[in-house]
Amino acid sequence: MWVYLNYNDFASGINSLFGIMALNDWQFMVLMYDACLDGENFALVFFFFVSFIMTAYFTVLNILVAFIIDAYS
């Protein structure tokens, strides 16, 4: 599964971002991409992942759940 979590093409990038949005071992993805950059830009990698999680998880998933709850109530 880890071999598909990359940004080599559009489909793999969307798959990676969906895995992060679902909070599927995102801390290991941060360490994996930090290792790829040889530890040079850890702050940049960490900022990207944390800002994406804040945007995706707290905004998009909460709106989706609100729509589902509204539809069935």
N, C-alpha and C. Protein backbone atom coordinates (compact mmCIF):
# COMPACT_ATOMS: atom_id res chain seq x y z
N MET A 1 0.82 -1.20 0.00
CA MET A 1 0.00 0.00 0.00
C MET A 1 0.85 1.25 0.00
N TRP A 2 1.97 1.23 0.69
CA TRP A 2 2.80 2.43 0.79
C TRP A 2 3.38 2.84 -0.55
N VAL A 3 3.52 1.88 -1.47
CA VAL A 3 4.10 2.20 -2.76
C VAL A 3 3.18 3.12 -3.57
N TYR A 4 1.89 3.11 -3.29
CA TYR A 4 0.94 3.94 -4.02
C TYR A 4 0.77 5.33 -3.42
N LEU A 5 1.36 5.59 -2.26
CA LEU A 5 1.23 6.89 -1.61
C LEU A 5 2.37 7.79 -2.04
N ASN A 6 2.23 8.35 -3.24
CA ASN A 6 3.23 9.27 -3.76
C ASN A 6 2.52 10.32 -4.60
N TYR A 7 3.28 11.23 -5.13
CA TYR A 7 2.73 12.29 -5.96
C TYR A 7 3.32 12.25 -7.37
N ASN A 8 3.57 11.05 -7.87
CA ASN A 8 4.17 10.91 -9.20
C ASN A 8 3.20 11.26 -10.32
N ASP A 9 1.93 11.00 -10.12
CA ASP A 9 0.91 11.39 -11.10
C ASP A 9 -0.34 11.83 -10.35
N PHE A 10 -1.33 12.28 -11.10
CA PHE A 10 -2.53 12.86 -10.50
C PHE A 10 -3.30 11.85 -9.66
N ALA A 11 -3.47 10.64 -10.18
CA ALA A 11 -4.24 9.62 -9.46
C ALA A 11 -3.56 9.22 -8.15
N SER A 12 -2.25 9.08 -8.17
CA SER A 12 -1.53 8.74 -6.95
C SER A 12 -1.57 9.87 -5.94
N GLY A 13 -1.52 11.10 -6.43
CA GLY A 13 -1.62 12.25 -5.54
C GLY A 13 -2.97 12.34 -4.86
N ILE A 14 -4.04 12.10 -5.61
CA ILE A 14 -5.37 12.11 -5.02
C ILE A 14 -5.51 10.97 -4.02
N ASN A 15 -4.96 9.81 -4.33
CA ASN A 15 -4.99 8.68 -3.41
C ASN A 15 -4.24 9.02 -2.12
N SER A 16 -3.10 9.66 -2.23
CA SER A 16 -2.33 10.05 -1.06
C SER A 16 -3.08 11.07 -0.21
N LEU A 17 -3.65 12.07 -0.85
CA LEU A 17 -4.38 13.10 -0.12
C LEU A 17 -5.64 12.54 0.55
N PHE A 18 -6.31 11.58 -0.09
CA PHE A 18 -7.47 10.96 0.53
C PHE A 18 -7.05 10.15 1.76
N GLY A 19 -5.93 9.47 1.66
CA GLY A 19 -5.43 8.73 2.82
C GLY A 19 -5.09 9.64 3.98
N ILE A 20 -4.53 10.80 3.67
CA ILE A 20 -4.24 11.77 4.72
C ILE A 20 -5.52 12.34 5.28
N MET A 21 -6.50 12.63 4.41
CA MET A 21 -7.76 13.20 4.86
C MET A 21 -8.49 12.25 5.80
N ALA A 22 -8.36 10.96 5.58
CA ALA A 22 -8.99 9.97 6.45
C ALA A 22 -8.14 9.69 7.69
N LEU A 23 -7.05 10.42 7.86
CA LEU A 23 -6.10 10.27 8.97
C LEU A 23 -5.54 8.86 9.05
N ASN A 24 -5.23 8.31 7.89
CA ASN A 24 -4.71 6.96 7.78
C ASN A 24 -3.19 7.00 7.89
N ASP A 25 -2.66 6.89 9.11
CA ASP A 25 -1.21 6.89 9.38
C ASP A 25 -0.50 8.09 8.77
N TRP A 26 -1.07 9.27 8.93
CA TRP A 26 -0.48 10.46 8.33
C TRP A 26 0.89 10.78 8.92
N GLN A 27 1.14 10.44 10.18
CA GLN A 27 2.43 10.74 10.79
C GLN A 27 3.55 9.94 10.13
N PHE A 28 3.25 8.74 9.65
CA PHE A 28 4.26 7.95 8.95
C PHE A 28 4.50 8.49 7.54
N MET A 29 3.46 9.07 6.93
CA MET A 29 3.65 9.71 5.63
C MET A 29 4.53 10.94 5.76
N VAL A 30 4.38 11.69 6.84
CA VAL A 30 5.23 12.86 7.07
C VAL A 30 6.68 12.41 7.19
N LEU A 31 6.92 11.38 7.96
CA LEU A 31 8.30 10.88 8.12
C LEU A 31 8.85 10.33 6.82
N MET A 32 7.98 9.70 6.00
CA MET A 32 8.42 9.15 4.72
C MET A 32 8.85 10.28 3.78
N TYR A 33 8.04 11.35 3.67
CA TYR A 33 8.39 12.44 2.78
C TYR A 33 9.54 13.26 3.33
N ASP A 34 9.69 13.32 4.65
CA ASP A 34 10.84 13.99 5.24
C ASP A 34 12.12 13.23 4.91
N ALA A 35 12.06 11.90 4.94
CA ALA A 35 13.22 11.09 4.59
C ALA A 35 13.58 11.25 3.12
N CYS A 36 12.57 11.43 2.26
CA CYS A 36 12.84 11.64 0.83
C CYS A 36 13.56 12.95 0.58
N LEU A 37 13.30 13.94 1.42
CA LEU A 37 13.95 15.25 1.28
C LEU A 37 15.22 15.35 2.10
N ASP A 38 15.68 14.24 2.67
CA ASP A 38 16.89 14.17 3.49
C ASP A 38 16.83 15.09 4.69
N GLY A 39 15.65 15.32 5.23
CA GLY A 39 15.51 16.11 6.45
C GLY A 39 15.77 17.59 6.29
N GLU A 40 15.87 18.07 5.06
CA GLU A 40 16.20 19.48 4.84
C GLU A 40 15.04 20.41 5.16
N ASN A 41 13.84 20.04 4.74
CA ASN A 41 12.69 20.92 4.85
C ASN A 41 11.60 20.30 5.71
N PHE A 42 11.96 19.85 6.91
CA PHE A 42 10.96 19.20 7.75
C PHE A 42 9.84 20.17 8.11
N ALA A 43 10.16 21.42 8.36
CA ALA A 43 9.13 22.41 8.72
C ALA A 43 8.14 22.59 7.56
N LEU A 44 8.64 22.60 6.34
CA LEU A 44 7.77 22.75 5.17
C LEU A 44 6.87 21.52 4.99
N VAL A 45 7.43 20.34 5.13
CA VAL A 45 6.65 19.11 5.02
C VAL A 45 5.60 19.04 6.12
N PHE A 46 6.01 19.35 7.33
CA PHE A 46 5.08 19.32 8.46
C PHE A 46 3.97 20.35 8.28
N PHE A 47 4.32 21.55 7.81
CA PHE A 47 3.31 22.59 7.58
C PHE A 47 2.31 22.16 6.51
N PHE A 48 2.78 21.54 5.43
CA PHE A 48 1.87 21.08 4.38
C PHE A 48 0.88 20.06 4.91
N PHE A 49 1.38 19.04 5.60
CA PHE A 49 0.50 17.98 6.08
C PHE A 49 -0.46 18.49 7.14
N VAL A 50 0.00 19.29 8.08
CA VAL A 50 -0.88 19.78 9.13
C VAL A 50 -1.92 20.74 8.56
N SER A 51 -1.53 21.62 7.65
CA SER A 51 -2.50 22.54 7.06
C SER A 51 -3.52 21.79 6.20
N PHE A 52 -3.09 20.75 5.49
CA PHE A 52 -4.04 19.96 4.72
C PHE A 52 -5.00 19.22 5.63
N ILE A 53 -4.50 18.66 6.72
CA ILE A 53 -5.37 17.95 7.65
C ILE A 53 -6.38 18.91 8.27
N MET A 54 -5.92 20.09 8.66
CA MET A 54 -6.84 21.07 9.26
C MET A 54 -7.93 21.46 8.26
N THR A 55 -7.54 21.68 7.03
CA THR A 55 -8.51 22.08 6.01
C THR A 55 -9.45 20.93 5.64
N ALA A 56 -8.88 19.79 5.34
CA ALA A 56 -9.69 18.67 4.86
C ALA A 56 -10.51 18.04 5.96
N TYR A 57 -9.88 17.70 7.05
CA TYR A 57 -10.58 16.95 8.08
C TYR A 57 -11.62 17.80 8.79
N PHE A 58 -11.22 18.96 9.25
CA PHE A 58 -12.13 19.76 10.06
C PHE A 58 -13.17 20.51 9.23
N THR A 59 -12.93 20.70 7.96
CA THR A 59 -13.88 21.43 7.14
C THR A 59 -14.67 20.50 6.23
N VAL A 60 -14.01 19.83 5.34
CA VAL A 60 -14.69 19.03 4.32
C VAL A 60 -15.43 17.85 4.93
N LEU A 61 -14.80 17.09 5.79
CA LEU A 61 -15.48 15.93 6.36
C LEU A 61 -16.63 16.33 7.28
N ASN A 62 -16.48 17.43 8.01
CA ASN A 62 -17.58 17.88 8.85
C ASN A 62 -18.76 18.36 8.02
N ILE A 63 -18.51 19.01 6.92
CA ILE A 63 -19.60 19.43 6.03
C ILE A 63 -20.29 18.20 5.43
N LEU A 64 -19.52 17.21 5.04
CA LEU A 64 -20.09 15.98 4.49
C LEU A 64 -20.97 15.28 5.51
N VAL A 65 -20.51 15.17 6.73
CA VAL A 65 -21.31 14.54 7.79
C VAL A 65 -22.57 15.35 8.06
N ALA A 66 -22.47 16.68 8.03
CA ALA A 66 -23.65 17.52 8.24
C ALA A 66 -24.69 17.29 7.15
N PHE A 67 -24.28 17.17 5.91
CA PHE A 67 -25.21 16.89 4.82
C PHE A 67 -25.87 15.52 4.99
N ILE A 68 -25.12 14.52 5.39
CA ILE A 68 -25.68 13.19 5.59
C ILE A 68 -26.68 13.19 6.74
N ILE A 69 -26.34 13.84 7.84
CA ILE A 69 -27.26 13.91 8.98
C ILE A 69 -28.50 14.69 8.60
N ASP A 70 -28.35 15.76 7.86
CA ASP A 70 -29.50 16.56 7.44
C ASP A 70 -30.41 15.78 6.48
N ALA A 71 -29.83 14.96 5.65
CA ALA A 71 -30.63 14.20 4.71
C ALA A 71 -31.47 13.11 5.37
N TYR A 72 -30.98 12.55 6.48
CA TYR A 72 -31.69 11.45 7.14
C TYR A 72 -32.46 11.88 8.37
N SER A 73 -32.54 13.16 8.64
CA SER A 73 -33.32 13.57 9.82
C SER A 73 -34.55 14.37 9.45
